[in-house]
Protein backbone atom coordinates (compact mmCIF):
# COMPACT_ATOMS: atom_id res chain seq x y z
CA MET A 1 -3.69 -20.25 -8.17
CA THR A 2 -0.65 -18.26 -9.20
CA GLU A 3 2.50 -20.11 -10.16
CA ASP A 4 5.10 -20.71 -7.47
CA HIS A 5 7.50 -17.97 -8.48
CA SER A 6 5.23 -15.29 -9.91
CA TYR A 7 4.97 -12.11 -7.90
CA TRP A 8 2.76 -9.05 -7.68
CA TYR A 9 2.94 -5.53 -6.29
CA LEU A 10 0.33 -4.15 -3.92
CA ALA A 11 0.98 -0.44 -4.38
CA SER A 12 -0.66 2.47 -2.61
CA TYR A 13 -0.16 5.85 -1.05
CA PRO A 14 0.23 5.24 2.72
CA LYS A 15 -2.94 4.66 4.76
CA SER A 16 -5.07 3.66 1.79
CA GLY A 17 -5.94 0.04 2.62
CA ASN A 18 -2.77 -1.80 1.59
CA THR A 19 -2.49 -3.79 4.81
CA TRP A 20 -6.16 -4.77 4.75
CA CYS A 21 -5.64 -6.03 1.19
CA ARG A 22 -2.63 -8.09 2.28
CA VAL A 23 -4.50 -9.56 5.25
CA PHE A 24 -7.46 -10.49 3.01
CA ILE A 25 -5.18 -12.23 0.49
CA THR A 26 -3.48 -14.15 3.29
CA GLU A 27 -6.82 -15.20 4.81
CA LEU A 28 -8.30 -16.24 1.45
CA MET A 29 -5.27 -18.41 0.73
CA ARG A 30 -5.44 -19.88 4.24
CA LEU A 31 -9.13 -20.77 3.89
CA ALA A 32 -8.51 -22.31 0.45
CA GLY A 33 -5.54 -24.35 1.67
CA ASP A 34 -5.48 -28.02 2.61
CA ASN A 35 -5.12 -27.18 6.31
CA PRO A 36 -6.72 -23.85 7.22
CA GLY A 37 -5.49 -24.22 10.80
CA GLU A 38 -6.00 -21.59 13.45
CA GLU A 39 -7.06 -17.99 12.92
CA LEU A 40 -4.62 -15.39 11.62
CA ASN A 41 -1.81 -14.08 13.75
CA LEU A 42 -1.13 -10.59 12.38
CA ASN A 43 2.54 -10.58 13.34
CA GLN A 44 3.34 -14.01 11.92
CA ASP A 45 1.05 -14.75 9.02
CA ILE A 46 0.97 -11.75 6.68
CA GLU A 47 4.58 -11.81 5.58
CA THR A 48 3.45 -11.79 1.96
CA GLY A 49 6.89 -10.74 0.71
CA ALA A 50 9.46 -8.05 1.43
CA ILE A 51 8.29 -4.46 1.08
CA ALA A 52 9.98 -3.02 -2.01
CA SER A 53 11.84 -0.48 0.13
CA SER A 54 13.37 -3.05 2.49
CA ARG A 55 17.03 -2.15 2.97
CA LEU A 56 18.04 -5.70 3.95
CA TRP A 57 16.34 -7.19 0.89
CA LEU A 58 17.76 -4.55 -1.49
CA ASP A 59 21.27 -5.03 -0.12
CA ASP A 60 20.97 -8.79 -0.58
CA GLN A 61 19.59 -8.52 -4.12
CA LEU A 62 21.98 -5.80 -5.33
CA GLY A 63 25.06 -7.07 -3.52
CA ILE A 64 25.79 -3.68 -1.99
CA ASN A 65 25.62 -1.82 1.29
CA SER A 66 22.95 0.74 0.46
CA CYS A 67 24.04 2.89 3.40
CA ASP A 68 27.07 3.78 1.28
CA LEU A 69 24.81 5.43 -1.30
CA SER A 70 22.69 8.54 -1.14
CA PHE A 71 19.02 8.09 -1.94
CA SER A 72 19.52 9.75 -5.32
CA GLU A 73 22.34 7.29 -6.10
CA LEU A 74 20.28 4.29 -4.99
CA ASP A 75 17.01 4.99 -6.83
CA PRO A 76 18.36 4.24 -10.36
CA LEU A 77 19.60 0.85 -9.08
CA ARG A 78 16.55 -0.31 -7.18
CA GLY A 79 14.70 -1.63 -10.23
CA ARG A 80 17.48 -4.18 -10.76
CA ALA A 81 16.72 -5.90 -7.46
CA GLY A 82 15.23 -9.32 -8.04
CA ASN A 83 16.03 -9.45 -11.76
CA SER A 84 18.08 -12.59 -11.39
CA ALA A 85 16.19 -14.58 -8.77
CA TRP A 86 12.70 -13.96 -7.45
CA LEU A 87 12.61 -17.34 -5.74
CA PHE A 88 10.07 -16.66 -3.03
CA ALA A 89 8.63 -19.31 -0.80
CA GLU A 90 4.98 -20.32 -1.08
CA GLY A 91 2.79 -17.40 -0.05
CA GLU A 92 5.51 -14.77 -0.39
CA ARG A 93 4.57 -13.15 -3.66
CA PHE A 94 2.59 -10.03 -2.90
CA HIS A 95 4.91 -7.11 -2.30
CA LYS A 96 3.79 -3.94 -0.57
CA VAL A 97 4.98 -0.69 -2.17
CA HIS A 98 4.45 2.89 -1.03
CA ASP A 99 6.92 4.43 -3.50
CA ALA A 100 5.70 6.09 -6.66
CA PHE A 101 6.46 3.95 -9.73
CA GLN A 102 9.36 6.27 -10.57
CA SER A 103 11.22 8.90 -8.56
CA PRO A 104 12.88 12.13 -9.75
CA ASP A 105 16.22 10.37 -9.21
CA SER A 106 15.45 7.05 -10.92
CA ARG A 107 16.35 8.36 -14.41
CA GLY A 108 13.03 7.41 -15.91
CA ARG A 109 13.24 3.85 -14.61
CA PRO A 110 10.82 2.17 -12.21
CA VAL A 111 12.08 1.93 -8.64
CA VAL A 112 10.80 -1.66 -8.60
CA SER A 113 11.78 -4.62 -10.71
CA THR A 114 9.38 -5.45 -13.54
CA THR A 115 11.14 -8.63 -14.69
CA GLY A 116 8.85 -11.60 -14.14
CA CYS A 117 6.20 -9.49 -12.40
CA SER A 118 2.64 -10.61 -13.09
CA GLY A 119 0.98 -7.30 -12.35
CA ILE A 120 0.07 -4.50 -9.95
CA VAL A 121 -2.84 -3.95 -7.61
CA TYR A 122 -3.09 -0.19 -7.03
CA ILE A 123 -5.21 0.74 -4.02
CA LEU A 124 -6.38 4.31 -3.63
CA ARG A 125 -8.50 6.19 -1.12
CA HIS A 126 -10.14 9.61 -0.93
CA PRO A 127 -7.31 12.06 -0.09
CA GLU A 128 -9.40 13.74 2.63
CA ASP A 129 -9.66 10.42 4.48
CA VAL A 130 -5.98 9.68 3.85
CA ALA A 131 -5.12 12.98 5.58
CA VAL A 132 -7.07 12.03 8.72
CA SER A 133 -5.58 8.53 8.79
CA LEU A 134 -2.05 9.89 8.35
CA SER A 135 -2.66 12.27 11.24
CA HIS A 136 -3.50 9.42 13.61
CA PHE A 137 -0.77 7.15 12.25
CA PHE A 138 2.14 9.61 12.42
CA SER A 139 0.74 11.89 15.16
CA TRP A 140 0.89 14.80 12.71
CA PRO A 141 -1.37 17.88 12.74
CA LEU A 142 -3.98 17.79 9.98
CA ASP A 143 -2.40 20.80 8.28
CA ARG A 144 0.86 18.88 7.91
CA CYS A 145 -0.99 15.93 6.40
CA VAL A 146 -2.73 18.17 3.87
CA ASP A 147 0.63 19.76 3.03
CA SER A 148 2.16 16.33 2.49
CA LEU A 149 -0.57 15.21 0.09
CA LEU A 150 0.12 18.33 -1.98
CA ASP A 151 3.93 18.18 -1.74
CA PRO A 152 5.69 17.17 -5.01
CA ASN A 153 8.70 16.13 -2.90
CA ALA A 154 6.79 14.09 -0.30
CA ALA A 155 8.63 10.97 0.80
CA LEU A 156 8.97 8.58 3.68
CA VAL A 157 12.55 9.19 4.72
CA PRO A 158 14.25 7.31 7.59
CA GLY A 159 17.07 9.87 7.83
CA GLU A 160 18.66 12.79 6.05
CA ARG A 161 20.81 10.51 3.91
CA PHE A 162 20.34 6.92 5.06
CA GLY A 163 19.48 4.83 8.07
CA GLY A 164 16.60 2.70 9.22
CA HIS A 165 15.33 -0.61 7.95
CA GLN A 166 13.90 0.92 4.79
CA VAL A 167 15.28 3.24 2.14
CA ARG A 168 13.62 6.47 1.11
CA GLN A 169 10.20 5.99 -0.44
CA TYR A 170 9.50 8.91 -2.77
CA MET A 171 5.76 9.46 -3.21
CA GLY A 172 5.26 12.99 -4.53
CA ARG A 173 1.80 14.51 -4.56
CA TRP A 174 -1.17 12.22 -4.06
CA ASP A 175 -2.27 12.73 -7.66
CA GLN A 176 1.26 12.17 -9.01
CA HIS A 177 1.46 8.93 -7.06
CA ALA A 178 -1.85 7.67 -8.45
CA ARG A 179 -0.92 8.54 -12.02
CA SER A 180 2.52 6.94 -11.73
CA TRP A 181 0.98 3.52 -11.12
CA ALA A 182 -2.33 3.80 -12.97
CA ASP A 183 -0.81 5.14 -16.18
CA GLN A 184 2.37 3.06 -16.43
CA THR A 185 2.26 0.61 -19.33
CA GLN A 186 4.95 -1.90 -18.37
CA LEU A 187 2.73 -4.13 -16.23
CA PRO A 188 -0.98 -5.02 -16.02
CA VAL A 189 -2.72 -3.01 -13.30
CA PHE A 190 -5.92 -3.53 -11.34
CA ILE A 191 -7.13 -0.33 -9.67
CA MET A 192 -9.12 -0.81 -6.48
CA ARG A 193 -10.72 1.99 -4.47
CA TYR A 194 -10.84 1.66 -0.68
CA GLU A 195 -14.42 2.90 -0.77
CA ASP A 196 -15.44 0.00 -3.01
CA MET A 197 -13.59 -2.44 -0.75
CA LEU A 198 -15.96 -1.29 2.01
CA ALA A 199 -19.21 -0.71 0.14
CA LYS A 200 -19.01 -3.50 -2.45
CA GLY A 201 -16.75 -5.97 -0.67
CA SER A 202 -17.83 -9.25 -2.24
CA GLU A 203 -17.80 -7.85 -5.78
CA THR A 204 -14.56 -5.89 -5.39
CA PHE A 205 -12.58 -8.64 -3.69
CA THR A 206 -13.82 -11.21 -6.20
CA GLU A 207 -12.41 -8.98 -8.96
CA LEU A 208 -9.16 -8.77 -6.98
CA ALA A 209 -8.97 -12.55 -6.58
CA THR A 210 -9.67 -13.01 -10.29
CA PHE A 211 -6.87 -10.61 -11.23
CA LEU A 212 -4.41 -12.37 -8.90
CA GLY A 213 -5.41 -15.87 -9.99
CA LEU A 214 -6.64 -16.75 -6.50
CA PRO A 215 -9.77 -18.77 -5.60
CA THR A 216 -13.00 -16.93 -6.47
CA ASP A 217 -15.50 -19.20 -4.72
CA SER A 218 -18.09 -16.83 -3.21
CA LYS A 219 -18.22 -18.68 0.12
CA LEU A 220 -14.46 -18.37 0.52
CA ILE A 221 -14.48 -14.70 -0.50
CA ASN A 222 -17.26 -13.83 1.94
CA GLN A 223 -15.72 -15.83 4.77
CA ALA A 224 -12.35 -14.13 4.22
CA LEU A 225 -14.09 -10.73 4.26
CA GLU A 226 -15.89 -11.58 7.49
CA ASN A 227 -12.64 -12.75 9.08
CA THR A 228 -10.82 -9.55 8.07
CA SER A 229 -13.47 -6.95 8.95
CA ILE A 230 -12.17 -3.87 10.78
CA ASP A 231 -13.68 -5.10 14.07
CA ARG A 232 -12.02 -8.48 13.59
CA LEU A 233 -8.69 -6.87 12.76
CA LYS A 234 -8.90 -4.74 15.92
CA LYS A 235 -9.37 -7.92 17.95
CA LEU A 236 -6.48 -9.65 16.18
CA GLU A 237 -4.29 -6.62 16.88
CA ASP A 238 -5.21 -6.82 20.56
CA ASP A 239 -4.49 -10.57 20.57
CA VAL A 240 -0.87 -9.98 19.54
CA ASP A 241 -0.51 -7.02 21.93
CA GLY A 242 0.15 -4.58 19.11
CA PHE A 243 0.67 -4.99 15.37
CA ALA A 244 4.36 -5.01 14.43
CA GLU A 245 3.82 -2.45 11.64
CA LYS A 246 2.40 0.14 14.06
CA PRO A 247 4.84 3.02 14.68
CA SER A 248 5.69 4.16 18.19
CA GLY A 249 3.33 6.86 19.36
CA CYS A 250 0.44 5.46 17.33
CA GLU A 251 -2.34 4.15 19.58
CA ARG A 252 -3.38 1.37 17.22
CA PHE A 253 -2.84 0.40 13.58
CA PHE A 254 -6.42 -0.63 12.81
CA ARG A 255 -8.44 2.33 14.03
CA SER A 256 -11.67 3.34 12.29
CA GLY A 257 -11.75 2.05 8.73
CA ARG A 258 -14.62 4.40 7.91
CA THR A 259 -15.02 6.65 4.91
CA GLY A 260 -16.04 10.29 5.21
CA GLU A 261 -13.87 11.21 8.20
CA GLY A 262 -12.02 13.78 6.13
CA ALA A 263 -15.20 15.69 5.34
CA GLU A 264 -16.04 15.61 9.06
CA GLN A 265 -12.68 16.58 10.52
CA LEU A 266 -10.88 18.76 7.96
CA SER A 267 -11.69 22.44 7.82
CA ILE A 268 -13.40 23.77 4.70
CA GLU A 269 -10.15 25.58 3.86
CA GLN A 270 -8.16 22.35 4.10
CA ARG A 271 -10.70 20.50 1.97
CA LYS A 272 -10.65 23.24 -0.66
CA ARG A 273 -6.84 23.12 -0.80
CA LEU A 274 -6.97 19.40 -1.55
CA ALA A 275 -9.78 19.78 -4.06
CA LYS A 276 -8.04 22.60 -5.90
CA GLY A 277 -4.66 20.87 -6.02
CA LEU A 278 -5.87 17.34 -6.80
CA SER A 279 -9.09 17.98 -8.71
CA GLU A 280 -8.20 16.27 -11.99
CA VAL A 281 -7.28 12.91 -10.48
CA MET A 282 -10.02 13.14 -7.83
CA LYS A 283 -12.61 13.50 -10.59
CA ARG A 284 -11.00 10.72 -12.60
CA PHE A 285 -11.50 8.29 -9.72
CA GLN A 286 -14.90 9.69 -8.71
CA TYR A 287 -13.87 11.47 -5.54
CA GLU A 288 -15.88 14.54 -4.61
CA GLY A 289 -14.70 17.58 -2.67
CA PRO A 290 -16.25 20.89 -1.65
CA GLU A 291 -17.42 23.40 -4.22
CA LEU A 292 -14.60 25.75 -5.19
CA ASP A 293 -15.16 29.48 -5.44
């Protein structure tokens, strides 16, 4: 097991499998514990640590009111959060991140603290499937989702300047985002494709558990996978009458979980735009697109 006060980042472009990864980790630790107890409650049990863009957490760590700062003023400071005291309670050491590792405003610094960090799990998914999932999640037209994946200024922004429970999360283009985490050299990184999480679950999640220093017993891994299948997660979401991380207007958080929806639902023009703009990183991570003219 990891030491009490070590921490990790679970980084990904939105809608790439980050939450599934967090739920699996929580379930594996529950099954390996002294008292496994009742089944997971999605809204109570997967608080694996504050998301790196949490305004409340950043304000507490930096000793400021971040609403007084513009996003460009805040980004260079964010990496200092947690430098002095990452004293998380048991089980709170896996921190979700949707930001790119650096932003155009962070002055070459990471937007997350690296002090005392044990490493990064970077989860990525075929950009065509990300586009479809974003469309359902944000109720956006598919064209807007394709545009966002290709936008060097793409960000999750709660307001024009500030507001909301989270600060701006700069992502950039899908390929920029992937490179920012995969190619940084400050922390160890384990790259995990969503497609392998589905197709080679036992092998992929055993590698994940090994990287994180979690139990790797095959029975525990397979039981945790069974308990966190997409069908099981849909039931757990229904049991709590809606997952707390689901935005308003979104029918459900855990929807399909399939691969290949992008090829089915995007137009050939939309697919070619993604393939042309993201081809280098798509090929690097073995993602295929349509033939380009």
